[in-house]
N, C-alpha and C. Protein backbone atom coordinates (compact mmCIF):
# COMPACT_ATOMS: atom_id res chain seq x y z
N MET A 1 -5.74 -14.12 31.10
CA MET A 1 -6.01 -15.27 30.25
C MET A 1 -7.42 -15.78 30.56
N ALA A 2 -8.17 -16.03 29.53
CA ALA A 2 -9.55 -16.50 29.70
C ALA A 2 -9.58 -17.93 30.23
N ARG A 3 -10.68 -18.26 30.87
CA ARG A 3 -10.87 -19.60 31.45
C ARG A 3 -10.64 -20.68 30.39
N HIS A 4 -11.23 -20.50 29.23
CA HIS A 4 -11.12 -21.47 28.14
C HIS A 4 -9.65 -21.68 27.75
N GLU A 5 -8.90 -20.60 27.64
CA GLU A 5 -7.49 -20.69 27.27
C GLU A 5 -6.66 -21.40 28.35
N ARG A 6 -6.98 -21.13 29.61
CA ARG A 6 -6.27 -21.80 30.71
C ARG A 6 -6.50 -23.31 30.66
N ILE A 7 -7.73 -23.70 30.40
CA ILE A 7 -8.05 -25.13 30.32
C ILE A 7 -7.30 -25.77 29.15
N GLU A 8 -7.30 -25.10 28.00
CA GLU A 8 -6.58 -25.64 26.84
C GLU A 8 -5.08 -25.75 27.13
N GLU A 9 -4.53 -24.79 27.85
CA GLU A 9 -3.13 -24.84 28.24
C GLU A 9 -2.87 -26.06 29.14
N GLN A 10 -3.77 -26.30 30.08
CA GLN A 10 -3.63 -27.48 30.96
C GLN A 10 -3.69 -28.77 30.15
N ILE A 11 -4.55 -28.80 29.16
CA ILE A 11 -4.66 -29.99 28.30
C ILE A 11 -3.36 -30.21 27.55
N HIS A 12 -2.80 -29.15 26.95
CA HIS A 12 -1.54 -29.28 26.23
C HIS A 12 -0.43 -29.78 27.16
N GLU A 13 -0.40 -29.27 28.38
CA GLU A 13 0.61 -29.70 29.34
C GLU A 13 0.46 -31.18 29.67
N LEU A 14 -0.76 -31.62 29.89
CA LEU A 14 -1.00 -33.04 30.18
C LEU A 14 -0.60 -33.92 29.01
N LEU A 15 -0.92 -33.50 27.80
CA LEU A 15 -0.57 -34.30 26.62
C LEU A 15 0.94 -34.45 26.49
N ALA A 16 1.67 -33.46 26.96
CA ALA A 16 3.13 -33.51 26.86
C ALA A 16 3.78 -34.26 28.02
N THR A 17 3.10 -34.37 29.15
CA THR A 17 3.78 -34.90 30.34
C THR A 17 3.19 -36.20 30.90
N GLU A 18 1.92 -36.43 30.74
CA GLU A 18 1.29 -37.61 31.37
C GLU A 18 1.69 -38.88 30.63
N MET A 19 2.13 -39.86 31.38
CA MET A 19 2.61 -41.11 30.79
C MET A 19 1.69 -42.30 31.06
N SER A 20 0.58 -42.07 31.73
CA SER A 20 -0.38 -43.13 32.02
C SER A 20 -1.66 -42.88 31.23
N GLY A 21 -2.07 -43.86 30.46
CA GLY A 21 -3.29 -43.73 29.69
C GLY A 21 -4.52 -43.56 30.57
N ILE A 22 -4.58 -44.29 31.65
CA ILE A 22 -5.73 -44.21 32.55
C ILE A 22 -5.81 -42.83 33.19
N ARG A 23 -4.68 -42.34 33.70
CA ARG A 23 -4.69 -41.01 34.32
C ARG A 23 -5.02 -39.93 33.30
N LEU A 24 -4.44 -40.04 32.09
CA LEU A 24 -4.73 -39.05 31.05
C LEU A 24 -6.21 -39.06 30.71
N SER A 25 -6.76 -40.23 30.51
CA SER A 25 -8.17 -40.34 30.18
C SER A 25 -9.04 -39.71 31.27
N ASN A 26 -8.75 -40.02 32.52
CA ASN A 26 -9.53 -39.47 33.62
C ASN A 26 -9.42 -37.95 33.70
N LYS A 27 -8.20 -37.45 33.58
CA LYS A 27 -7.99 -36.01 33.70
C LYS A 27 -8.62 -35.23 32.54
N LEU A 28 -8.70 -35.85 31.38
CA LEU A 28 -9.24 -35.15 30.22
C LEU A 28 -10.72 -35.41 29.97
N PHE A 29 -11.17 -36.65 30.13
CA PHE A 29 -12.49 -37.03 29.63
C PHE A 29 -13.53 -37.40 30.69
N ALA A 30 -13.11 -37.58 31.93
CA ALA A 30 -14.07 -37.90 33.00
C ALA A 30 -15.05 -36.74 33.15
N PRO A 31 -16.20 -36.99 33.77
CA PRO A 31 -17.20 -35.91 33.93
C PRO A 31 -16.63 -34.63 34.56
N ASP A 32 -15.63 -34.78 35.44
CA ASP A 32 -15.02 -33.59 36.04
C ASP A 32 -13.68 -33.26 35.39
N GLY A 33 -13.42 -33.84 34.21
CA GLY A 33 -12.16 -33.61 33.50
C GLY A 33 -12.12 -32.29 32.77
N LEU A 34 -11.01 -32.07 32.09
CA LEU A 34 -10.79 -30.78 31.43
C LEU A 34 -11.69 -30.56 30.22
N PHE A 35 -11.87 -31.56 29.38
CA PHE A 35 -12.71 -31.34 28.19
C PHE A 35 -14.16 -31.01 28.55
N PRO A 36 -14.77 -31.70 29.50
CA PRO A 36 -16.14 -31.30 29.87
C PRO A 36 -16.24 -29.85 30.37
N ARG A 37 -15.15 -29.33 30.92
CA ARG A 37 -15.16 -27.94 31.40
C ARG A 37 -15.17 -26.94 30.25
N LEU A 38 -14.81 -27.40 29.05
CA LEU A 38 -14.78 -26.50 27.90
C LEU A 38 -16.16 -26.27 27.30
N ALA A 39 -17.12 -27.09 27.66
CA ALA A 39 -18.43 -27.02 27.00
C ALA A 39 -19.55 -27.18 28.02
N ASP A 40 -20.50 -26.26 27.94
CA ASP A 40 -21.65 -26.33 28.83
C ASP A 40 -22.90 -26.88 28.14
N THR A 41 -22.97 -26.71 26.84
CA THR A 41 -24.16 -27.14 26.10
C THR A 41 -23.82 -28.28 25.16
N GLU A 42 -24.85 -28.92 24.67
CA GLU A 42 -24.67 -30.02 23.70
C GLU A 42 -23.93 -29.52 22.44
N GLU A 43 -24.31 -28.36 21.95
CA GLU A 43 -23.67 -27.80 20.76
C GLU A 43 -22.19 -27.50 21.02
N GLU A 44 -21.88 -26.95 22.19
CA GLU A 44 -20.49 -26.69 22.53
C GLU A 44 -19.70 -27.99 22.63
N ARG A 45 -20.32 -29.03 23.17
CA ARG A 45 -19.64 -30.34 23.25
C ARG A 45 -19.34 -30.89 21.87
N ARG A 46 -20.25 -30.70 20.94
CA ARG A 46 -20.00 -31.14 19.56
C ARG A 46 -18.82 -30.39 18.95
N ILE A 47 -18.76 -29.10 19.20
CA ILE A 47 -17.66 -28.30 18.67
C ILE A 47 -16.33 -28.75 19.27
N VAL A 48 -16.31 -28.98 20.57
CA VAL A 48 -15.09 -29.46 21.24
C VAL A 48 -14.68 -30.81 20.67
N ALA A 49 -15.63 -31.69 20.48
CA ALA A 49 -15.33 -33.05 19.98
C ALA A 49 -14.79 -33.03 18.55
N ARG A 50 -15.04 -31.97 17.81
CA ARG A 50 -14.51 -31.86 16.45
C ARG A 50 -13.22 -31.05 16.37
N SER A 51 -12.76 -30.56 17.51
CA SER A 51 -11.58 -29.69 17.52
C SER A 51 -10.29 -30.47 17.32
N LEU A 52 -9.29 -29.76 16.84
CA LEU A 52 -7.97 -30.36 16.66
C LEU A 52 -7.39 -30.82 18.00
N LEU A 53 -7.58 -30.03 19.03
CA LEU A 53 -7.07 -30.39 20.35
C LEU A 53 -7.68 -31.70 20.85
N PHE A 54 -8.97 -31.87 20.65
CA PHE A 54 -9.64 -33.11 21.06
C PHE A 54 -9.08 -34.30 20.29
N ARG A 55 -8.88 -34.12 18.99
CA ARG A 55 -8.30 -35.21 18.17
C ARG A 55 -6.88 -35.53 18.60
N GLU A 56 -6.10 -34.50 18.93
CA GLU A 56 -4.74 -34.72 19.43
C GLU A 56 -4.77 -35.50 20.74
N ALA A 57 -5.71 -35.16 21.60
CA ALA A 57 -5.83 -35.85 22.89
C ALA A 57 -6.19 -37.32 22.68
N LEU A 58 -7.12 -37.58 21.77
CA LEU A 58 -7.49 -38.98 21.49
C LEU A 58 -6.31 -39.75 20.91
N LYS A 59 -5.54 -39.10 20.06
CA LYS A 59 -4.37 -39.75 19.46
C LYS A 59 -3.34 -40.08 20.54
N ARG A 60 -3.07 -39.12 21.43
CA ARG A 60 -2.09 -39.36 22.50
C ARG A 60 -2.58 -40.47 23.44
N LEU A 61 -3.86 -40.45 23.77
CA LEU A 61 -4.42 -41.50 24.61
C LEU A 61 -4.26 -42.86 23.95
N SER A 62 -4.54 -42.94 22.67
CA SER A 62 -4.41 -44.20 21.94
C SER A 62 -2.96 -44.69 21.96
N GLU A 63 -2.01 -43.78 21.78
CA GLU A 63 -0.60 -44.15 21.81
C GLU A 63 -0.22 -44.74 23.18
N LEU A 64 -0.66 -44.06 24.24
CA LEU A 64 -0.35 -44.56 25.58
C LEU A 64 -1.00 -45.91 25.83
N GLN A 65 -2.23 -46.08 25.40
CA GLN A 65 -2.92 -47.35 25.59
C GLN A 65 -2.22 -48.48 24.85
N LYS A 66 -1.75 -48.21 23.64
CA LYS A 66 -1.03 -49.24 22.87
C LYS A 66 0.26 -49.63 23.59
N THR A 67 0.99 -48.65 24.06
CA THR A 67 2.24 -48.91 24.78
C THR A 67 1.97 -49.72 26.04
N GLU A 68 0.93 -49.34 26.78
CA GLU A 68 0.58 -50.06 28.01
C GLU A 68 0.12 -51.48 27.70
N PHE A 69 -0.59 -51.66 26.61
CA PHE A 69 -1.04 -52.99 26.23
C PHE A 69 0.15 -53.89 25.89
N VAL A 70 1.11 -53.35 25.16
CA VAL A 70 2.30 -54.14 24.82
C VAL A 70 3.04 -54.54 26.09
N GLU A 71 3.21 -53.61 27.01
CA GLU A 71 3.90 -53.92 28.27
C GLU A 71 3.11 -54.93 29.09
N PHE A 72 1.82 -54.78 29.15
CA PHE A 72 0.97 -55.74 29.88
C PHE A 72 1.10 -57.13 29.27
N THR A 73 1.06 -57.20 27.94
CA THR A 73 1.18 -58.49 27.25
C THR A 73 2.52 -59.14 27.56
N ARG A 74 3.59 -58.36 27.55
CA ARG A 74 4.92 -58.90 27.88
C ARG A 74 4.95 -59.44 29.30
N THR A 75 4.35 -58.72 30.22
CA THR A 75 4.33 -59.14 31.62
C THR A 75 3.55 -60.44 31.78
N VAL A 76 2.42 -60.54 31.12
CA VAL A 76 1.61 -61.76 31.20
C VAL A 76 2.38 -62.94 30.61
N ARG A 77 3.03 -62.73 29.48
CA ARG A 77 3.81 -63.81 28.87
C ARG A 77 4.93 -64.27 29.79
N ARG A 78 5.63 -63.30 30.39
CA ARG A 78 6.72 -63.63 31.31
C ARG A 78 6.18 -64.41 32.50
N PHE A 79 5.08 -63.98 33.04
CA PHE A 79 4.45 -64.66 34.16
C PHE A 79 4.08 -66.09 33.77
N GLU A 80 3.46 -66.25 32.61
CA GLU A 80 3.04 -67.57 32.14
C GLU A 80 4.24 -68.48 31.93
N GLU A 81 5.32 -67.95 31.35
CA GLU A 81 6.52 -68.76 31.13
C GLU A 81 7.11 -69.23 32.45
N MET A 82 7.16 -68.32 33.43
CA MET A 82 7.71 -68.70 34.74
C MET A 82 6.79 -69.70 35.44
N ARG A 83 5.49 -69.53 35.31
CA ARG A 83 4.54 -70.44 35.93
C ARG A 83 4.67 -71.83 35.33
N ILE A 84 4.79 -71.90 34.03
CA ILE A 84 4.92 -73.19 33.34
C ILE A 84 6.21 -73.88 33.76
N ARG A 85 7.27 -73.13 33.90
CA ARG A 85 8.57 -73.70 34.31
C ARG A 85 8.59 -74.02 35.80
N GLY A 86 7.60 -73.53 36.51
CA GLY A 86 7.56 -73.78 37.96
C GLY A 86 8.53 -72.95 38.73
N ASN A 87 8.88 -71.80 38.19
CA ASN A 87 9.85 -70.92 38.82
C ASN A 87 9.13 -69.91 39.70
N ASN A 88 8.54 -70.38 40.77
CA ASN A 88 7.72 -69.54 41.64
C ASN A 88 8.51 -68.49 42.39
N ASN A 89 9.79 -68.72 42.65
CA ASN A 89 10.57 -67.74 43.39
C ASN A 89 10.68 -66.42 42.64
N GLU A 90 10.71 -66.45 41.33
CA GLU A 90 10.82 -65.21 40.53
C GLU A 90 9.50 -64.44 40.49
N LEU A 91 8.41 -65.06 40.89
CA LEU A 91 7.11 -64.39 40.85
C LEU A 91 6.89 -63.51 42.06
N ARG A 92 7.65 -63.73 43.11
CA ARG A 92 7.45 -62.94 44.33
C ARG A 92 8.09 -61.57 44.17
N PRO A 93 7.48 -60.55 44.81
CA PRO A 93 8.06 -59.19 44.73
C PRO A 93 9.38 -59.08 45.45
C-alpha cells in the first residue's frame, strides 16, 4: 500500500472513531497532522484542500464542534443556575 493510501486510510479511521473535535483537528490539520503529510508543495496542498476527503473531514470536525459547543453551553448554564441559587456543594467534584 502506498504512503498516500495509508495516510488516507488513517484519516478515514479517525473520522469514524474520534469523538473530540480538538483531537480530530490536531491529528488531521496541525502542521504534523495527516493532511499536511499528503502534500509537499503548494499545488498539492490546493488539490488536497479541494478533495472529497478534506471536505468530509471539515464536515465531521464541524459536527463535533457543534456537539461540544452545545454540551459546553449546557454546562455553563447549569453552573450559572447553581451559582445563582447558592448551591455551592453541587459545584464541587
